[in-house]
N, C-alpha and C. Protein backbone atom coordinates (compact mmCIF):
# COMPACT_ATOMS: atom_id res chain seq x y z
N UNK A 1 272.85 -123.76 56.66
CA UNK A 1 271.85 -122.71 57.08
C UNK A 1 271.79 -121.53 56.81
N UNK A 2 271.24 -120.91 56.61
CA UNK A 2 270.73 -119.19 56.48
C UNK A 2 270.69 -118.76 57.58
N UNK A 3 271.72 -117.93 58.31
CA UNK A 3 271.92 -117.35 59.46
C UNK A 3 271.14 -115.78 59.18
N UNK A 4 270.63 -115.58 60.11
CA UNK A 4 270.35 -113.83 59.95
C UNK A 4 270.11 -113.18 60.66
N UNK A 5 270.67 -111.87 60.91
CA UNK A 5 271.04 -111.25 62.28
C UNK A 5 270.77 -110.22 61.62
N UNK A 6 269.86 -109.69 62.80
CA UNK A 6 269.43 -107.81 62.75
C UNK A 6 269.98 -107.21 63.18
N UNK A 7 270.56 -105.68 63.01
CA UNK A 7 270.99 -104.80 64.07
C UNK A 7 270.52 -103.61 63.62
N UNK A 8 270.39 -102.42 64.95
CA UNK A 8 270.28 -101.05 63.83
C UNK A 8 268.78 -100.52 64.96
N UNK A 9 268.51 -101.34 65.65
CA UNK A 9 267.41 -100.87 66.40
C UNK A 9 267.45 -99.61 68.07
N UNK A 10 266.88 -99.72 68.10
CA UNK A 10 266.94 -98.49 69.42
C UNK A 10 266.13 -98.00 69.87
N UNK A 11 265.94 -96.33 70.56
CA UNK A 11 265.26 -95.55 71.38
C UNK A 11 265.21 -94.32 70.28
N UNK A 12 264.32 -94.19 69.71
CA UNK A 12 265.08 -92.71 68.61
C UNK A 12 263.46 -91.80 69.16
N UNK A 13 263.22 -90.54 68.98
CA UNK A 13 262.42 -89.27 69.10
C UNK A 13 261.03 -89.36 67.73
N UNK A 14 260.00 -89.53 68.19
CA UNK A 14 259.00 -88.99 66.69
C UNK A 14 259.63 -88.33 65.81
N UNK A 15 259.51 -88.89 64.53
CA UNK A 15 259.54 -88.00 63.55
C UNK A 15 261.65 -87.93 63.02
N UNK A 16 262.38 -88.63 64.21
CA UNK A 16 263.65 -89.17 63.85
C UNK A 16 263.59 -90.54 62.87
N UNK A 17 264.78 -90.70 62.79
CA UNK A 17 265.20 -91.96 61.49
C UNK A 17 266.19 -93.01 62.12
N UNK A 18 265.78 -94.47 61.71
CA UNK A 18 266.64 -95.17 61.80
C UNK A 18 267.15 -95.81 61.17
N UNK A 19 268.57 -96.91 61.36
CA UNK A 19 268.55 -97.57 59.44
C UNK A 19 268.65 -98.74 60.26
N UNK A 20 267.95 -100.11 59.50
CA UNK A 20 267.90 -101.50 60.18
C UNK A 20 268.97 -102.36 59.07
N UNK A 21 269.57 -102.99 59.52
CA UNK A 21 270.47 -104.13 59.06
C UNK A 21 270.34 -105.92 58.85
N UNK A 22 269.88 -106.20 57.62
CA UNK A 22 269.96 -107.86 58.13
C UNK A 22 271.09 -108.18 57.50
N UNK A 23 272.06 -109.17 58.20
CA UNK A 23 273.22 -109.65 57.59
C UNK A 23 272.84 -110.51 56.84
N UNK A 24 273.72 -111.61 56.61
CA UNK A 24 273.77 -113.05 55.87
C UNK A 24 272.78 -113.10 55.31
N UNK A 25 271.82 -112.16 54.37
CA UNK A 25 270.68 -112.54 53.51
C UNK A 25 270.78 -113.21 52.46
N UNK A 26 272.15 -113.40 51.53
CA UNK A 26 272.42 -114.37 50.66
C UNK A 26 271.69 -113.81 48.89
N UNK A 27 271.66 -114.53 48.09
CA UNK A 27 271.01 -114.35 47.47
C UNK A 27 269.28 -114.65 47.02
N UNK A 28 268.83 -114.02 48.28
CA UNK A 28 267.14 -114.44 48.52
C UNK A 28 266.55 -113.64 48.60
N UNK A 29 265.32 -113.49 48.42
CA UNK A 29 264.12 -112.54 49.16
C UNK A 29 264.59 -111.72 50.08
N UNK A 30 264.44 -110.88 50.42
CA UNK A 30 263.88 -110.60 52.24
C UNK A 30 263.12 -109.55 52.57
N UNK A 31 262.45 -110.34 53.46
CA UNK A 31 261.23 -109.34 53.94
C UNK A 31 261.73 -108.85 55.13
N UNK A 32 260.80 -107.96 55.36
CA UNK A 32 261.01 -107.08 57.11
C UNK A 32 259.69 -107.44 57.38
N UNK A 33 259.28 -107.68 58.70
CA UNK A 33 258.56 -107.90 59.58
C UNK A 33 258.45 -107.01 61.02
N UNK A 34 257.30 -106.82 61.91
CA UNK A 34 257.38 -106.07 62.55
C UNK A 34 256.44 -106.90 63.26
N UNK A 35 256.99 -107.05 64.84
CA UNK A 35 255.62 -107.32 66.25
C UNK A 35 256.09 -106.54 66.90
N UNK A 36 254.70 -105.54 67.30
CA UNK A 36 254.39 -104.95 68.44
C UNK A 36 253.75 -105.34 69.43
N UNK A 37 253.51 -104.90 70.62
CA UNK A 37 252.77 -105.65 71.73
C UNK A 37 251.13 -105.91 71.46
N UNK A 38 250.92 -106.75 71.84
CA UNK A 38 249.72 -106.82 71.58
C UNK A 38 249.20 -106.79 70.32
N UNK A 39 249.62 -107.06 69.07
CA UNK A 39 249.33 -107.02 67.68
C UNK A 39 250.00 -108.47 67.27
N UNK A 40 249.86 -108.89 66.17
CA UNK A 40 250.13 -109.94 65.01
C UNK A 40 251.73 -109.47 64.12
N UNK A 41 252.31 -110.18 63.95
CA UNK A 41 253.32 -109.76 63.42
C UNK A 41 252.95 -109.65 62.04
N UNK A 42 253.21 -108.03 61.61
CA UNK A 42 252.74 -107.73 60.03
C UNK A 42 254.24 -106.86 59.46
N UNK A 43 253.97 -107.74 57.83
CA UNK A 43 254.76 -107.54 57.01
C UNK A 43 254.97 -106.24 56.64
N UNK A 44 255.98 -105.45 56.93
CA UNK A 44 256.53 -103.95 56.70
C UNK A 44 257.15 -103.89 55.15
N UNK A 45 257.71 -104.28 54.42
CA UNK A 45 258.45 -104.33 53.57
C UNK A 45 259.46 -105.77 52.62
N UNK A 46 259.52 -105.97 51.37
CA UNK A 46 260.16 -106.86 50.87
C UNK A 46 260.90 -106.36 49.41
N UNK A 47 262.05 -107.41 49.89
CA UNK A 47 263.15 -106.50 48.73
C UNK A 47 263.36 -108.44 47.93
N UNK A 48 263.39 -108.09 46.41
CA UNK A 48 263.77 -109.05 45.77
C UNK A 48 264.96 -109.69 45.68
N UNK A 49 265.44 -110.35 45.40
CA UNK A 49 266.77 -110.84 44.94
C UNK A 49 267.74 -110.06 44.80
N UNK A 50 267.41 -109.42 43.68
CA UNK A 50 268.30 -109.02 43.15
C UNK A 50 267.92 -107.45 43.16
N UNK A 51 267.44 -107.04 44.04
CA UNK A 51 266.71 -105.47 44.58
C UNK A 51 266.25 -104.58 43.16
N UNK A 52 265.58 -105.61 42.41
CA UNK A 52 264.94 -104.91 41.20
C UNK A 52 263.93 -104.57 41.87
N UNK A 53 263.24 -105.21 42.37
CA UNK A 53 261.39 -104.81 43.10
C UNK A 53 261.39 -104.98 44.38
N UNK A 54 260.61 -103.58 45.18
CA UNK A 54 259.96 -103.78 45.86
C UNK A 54 259.44 -103.33 46.33
N UNK A 55 258.72 -103.99 47.70
CA UNK A 55 257.46 -104.42 48.30
C UNK A 55 257.07 -103.34 49.41
N UNK A 56 255.87 -102.38 50.06
CA UNK A 56 255.84 -101.65 50.98
C UNK A 56 254.67 -102.24 51.83
N UNK A 57 254.01 -102.13 52.71
CA UNK A 57 252.66 -101.77 53.45
C UNK A 57 252.45 -100.39 53.56
N UNK A 58 251.13 -100.24 53.28
CA UNK A 58 250.96 -99.54 52.89
C UNK A 58 250.96 -97.90 54.04
N UNK A 59 250.98 -99.11 55.27
CA UNK A 59 251.24 -98.18 56.88
C UNK A 59 252.96 -97.39 56.56
N UNK A 60 253.92 -97.60 55.77
CA UNK A 60 255.01 -97.28 55.90
C UNK A 60 255.78 -96.71 54.42
N UNK A 61 254.92 -96.89 53.77
CA UNK A 61 254.81 -96.28 52.25
C UNK A 61 255.59 -94.94 52.09
N UNK A 62 256.34 -94.51 51.34
CA UNK A 62 257.11 -92.97 51.66
C UNK A 62 257.79 -92.89 52.92
N UNK A 63 257.73 -93.51 53.85
CA UNK A 63 258.64 -93.16 55.00
C UNK A 63 259.60 -94.58 55.23
N UNK A 64 259.59 -95.61 55.13
CA UNK A 64 260.55 -96.61 54.69
C UNK A 64 260.99 -97.41 53.25
N UNK A 65 262.23 -97.12 53.17
CA UNK A 65 263.35 -97.78 52.30
C UNK A 65 263.83 -99.28 52.33
N UNK A 66 263.68 -100.05 51.70
CA UNK A 66 263.85 -101.13 51.23
C UNK A 66 265.21 -100.84 50.60
N UNK A 67 266.42 -101.47 50.87
CA UNK A 67 267.45 -101.56 49.98
C UNK A 67 268.68 -102.84 50.58
N UNK A 68 269.13 -103.27 49.23
CA UNK A 68 270.80 -104.42 49.89
C UNK A 68 271.77 -104.43 48.89
N UNK A 69 272.78 -104.88 49.32
CA UNK A 69 273.88 -104.78 49.00
C UNK A 69 274.86 -106.13 49.27
N UNK A 70 274.46 -107.05 47.76
CA UNK A 70 274.60 -108.21 47.71
C UNK A 70 275.58 -108.67 47.83
N UNK A 71 277.35 -107.97 47.58
CA UNK A 71 277.74 -107.80 47.67
C UNK A 71 278.81 -107.93 49.28
N UNK A 72 277.72 -106.81 49.91
CA UNK A 72 277.95 -106.52 51.12
C UNK A 72 277.30 -107.84 52.52
N UNK A 73 276.58 -109.40 51.61
CA UNK A 73 275.73 -110.01 52.29
C UNK A 73 274.78 -109.44 53.15
N UNK A 74 274.09 -107.93 52.81
CA UNK A 74 273.21 -107.22 53.48
C UNK A 74 271.79 -106.69 53.18
N UNK A 75 270.87 -106.49 54.09
CA UNK A 75 269.59 -105.75 53.28
C UNK A 75 269.74 -105.04 54.77
N UNK A 76 269.36 -103.39 54.00
CA UNK A 76 269.21 -102.57 55.08
C UNK A 76 267.44 -101.89 55.00
N UNK A 77 266.82 -101.50 55.91
CA UNK A 77 265.34 -101.08 55.95
C UNK A 77 265.86 -99.74 56.92
N UNK A 78 265.90 -98.60 55.70
CA UNK A 78 266.24 -96.95 56.40
C UNK A 78 264.32 -96.41 56.90
N UNK A 79 264.08 -96.03 57.98
CA UNK A 79 263.12 -95.91 58.32
C UNK A 79 263.17 -93.97 58.81
N UNK A 80 262.46 -93.53 57.99
CA UNK A 80 262.43 -92.11 58.20
C UNK A 80 260.99 -91.87 58.79
N UNK A 81 260.75 -90.71 59.21
CA UNK A 81 259.78 -89.96 59.87
C UNK A 81 258.92 -91.10 61.21
N UNK A 82 259.62 -91.42 61.91
CA UNK A 82 259.16 -92.63 62.86
C UNK A 82 257.98 -92.22 63.55
N UNK A 83 257.33 -93.04 63.81
CA UNK A 83 255.80 -92.48 64.55
C UNK A 83 256.00 -93.64 65.57
N UNK A 84 255.26 -93.24 66.81
CA UNK A 84 255.23 -93.98 68.27
C UNK A 84 254.78 -95.45 67.77
N UNK A 85 253.57 -95.40 66.43
CA UNK A 85 253.16 -97.08 66.32
C UNK A 85 254.02 -97.83 65.55
N UNK A 86 255.16 -97.00 65.40
CA UNK A 86 256.35 -98.20 64.40
C UNK A 86 257.05 -98.74 65.70
N UNK A 87 257.06 -98.16 66.69
CA UNK A 87 257.53 -99.10 67.51
C UNK A 87 257.62 -100.56 67.95
N UNK A 88 258.15 -101.69 67.44
CA UNK A 88 258.29 -103.06 67.65
C UNK A 88 259.54 -103.54 67.49
N UNK A 89 259.46 -105.07 67.61
CA UNK A 89 260.85 -105.70 67.57
C UNK A 89 260.57 -106.01 65.40
N UNK A 90 261.64 -105.83 64.80
CA UNK A 90 261.59 -106.24 63.45
C UNK A 90 262.82 -107.01 63.29
N UNK A 91 261.85 -107.65 62.47
CA UNK A 91 262.35 -109.66 62.18
C UNK A 91 262.98 -109.24 60.37
N UNK A 92 264.18 -109.58 60.30
CA UNK A 92 264.44 -109.81 58.64
C UNK A 92 263.91 -111.49 58.28
N UNK A 93 263.33 -111.71 57.39
CA UNK A 93 263.46 -113.82 57.02
C UNK A 93 263.61 -113.37 55.55
N UNK A 94 264.18 -114.63 55.40
CA UNK A 94 264.50 -114.82 53.94
C UNK A 94 263.61 -116.03 52.82
N UNK A 95 263.45 -115.93 51.97
CA UNK A 95 262.51 -116.51 50.84
C UNK A 95 263.00 -116.80 49.35
N UNK A 96 262.07 -117.79 48.62
CA UNK A 96 263.26 -117.65 47.39
C UNK A 96 262.73 -116.26 46.70
N UNK A 97 261.30 -115.87 46.74
CA UNK A 97 260.68 -114.59 46.02
C UNK A 97 260.21 -113.95 46.77
N UNK A 98 259.87 -112.21 46.82
CA UNK A 98 258.72 -111.47 47.74
C UNK A 98 257.09 -112.32 47.16
N UNK A 99 256.93 -111.95 46.04
CA UNK A 99 255.62 -112.52 45.10
C UNK A 99 254.57 -111.67 46.09
N UNK A 100 253.33 -112.17 45.29
CA UNK A 100 252.40 -111.26 45.72
C UNK A 100 251.55 -111.23 47.34
N UNK A 101 252.04 -112.18 47.48
CA UNK A 101 251.90 -112.53 48.98
C UNK A 101 252.96 -112.27 50.26
N UNK A 102 253.66 -111.08 49.76
CA UNK A 102 255.38 -111.49 50.64
C UNK A 102 254.83 -110.60 52.04
N UNK A 103 253.90 -110.12 52.28
CA UNK A 103 253.41 -109.87 53.50
C UNK A 103 252.96 -111.00 54.86
N UNK A 104 252.70 -112.56 53.83
CA UNK A 104 251.81 -114.11 54.58
C UNK A 104 253.49 -113.61 55.50
N UNK A 105 253.05 -113.90 57.16
CA UNK A 105 253.89 -114.15 57.88
C UNK A 105 254.35 -116.03 57.55
N UNK A 106 253.26 -116.97 57.24
CA UNK A 106 253.48 -118.21 57.40
C UNK A 106 253.79 -119.05 55.98
N UNK A 107 255.00 -120.19 56.28
CA UNK A 107 255.26 -120.83 55.14
C UNK A 107 256.22 -120.21 53.73
N UNK A 108 256.13 -118.99 53.72
CA UNK A 108 256.71 -118.67 52.25
C UNK A 108 258.45 -118.64 52.48
N UNK A 109 258.90 -117.94 54.11
CA UNK A 109 259.68 -118.05 54.77
C UNK A 109 260.28 -118.67 55.11
N UNK A 110 261.24 -118.94 54.93
CA UNK A 110 262.16 -120.26 55.05
C UNK A 110 263.24 -119.81 56.71
N UNK A 111 263.81 -118.78 56.92
CA UNK A 111 264.47 -118.41 57.93
C UNK A 111 264.02 -116.61 58.42
N UNK A 112 264.40 -116.81 59.33
CA UNK A 112 264.52 -115.68 60.52
C UNK A 112 265.40 -115.06 61.06
N UNK A 113 265.37 -114.07 61.35
CA UNK A 113 266.63 -113.55 62.29
C UNK A 113 266.10 -113.21 63.48
N UNK A 114 266.81 -112.89 64.50
CA UNK A 114 266.11 -113.25 65.85
C UNK A 114 265.43 -111.65 66.76
N UNK A 115 265.65 -110.91 66.01
CA UNK A 115 265.00 -109.14 65.72
C UNK A 115 265.55 -108.39 66.57
N UNK A 116 265.12 -107.08 65.86
CA UNK A 116 265.97 -106.23 66.89
C UNK A 116 264.55 -104.96 67.22
N UNK A 117 264.20 -104.33 68.12
CA UNK A 117 263.68 -103.82 68.88
C UNK A 117 263.83 -102.28 68.42
N UNK A 118 262.43 -101.45 68.01
CA UNK A 118 262.43 -100.08 68.04
C UNK A 118 261.92 -99.52 68.69
N UNK A 119 262.27 -98.42 69.54
CA UNK A 119 261.06 -97.92 70.59
C UNK A 119 261.44 -96.03 69.97
N UNK A 120 260.20 -95.64 69.68
CA UNK A 120 260.03 -94.98 69.37
C UNK A 120 258.91 -94.05 69.98
N UNK A 121 260.03 -93.11 70.45
CA UNK A 121 258.95 -92.25 71.98
C UNK A 121 260.19 -90.73 72.47
N UNK A 122 259.25 -89.99 72.62
CA UNK A 122 259.48 -88.63 73.39
C UNK A 122 260.28 -88.79 75.02
């Protein structure tokens, strides 16, 4: 049973940065999702098992970077130029591959972490 544990969330001012970690990633593709109040869970990024392929939603492209260290069994989400609308609970999830529909919440991802909260506010 794979266990994913997110960390690194917190309160940051607009324009600031945070780096989220997802421990226990194994040699699987990892997707990052977020859930904001009043919204549906949104796919943010995905990284392949090797780290050779990455995918981003339009809302974070150019500001967020997903990376991984398989030796450390971890995946990271570096978030720069944060905006208030980035405030959400962030989750990582594991799948066999990202695929064309990496942003789709249902079915593809077999394991989910418990989430870490990010608040962007002055």
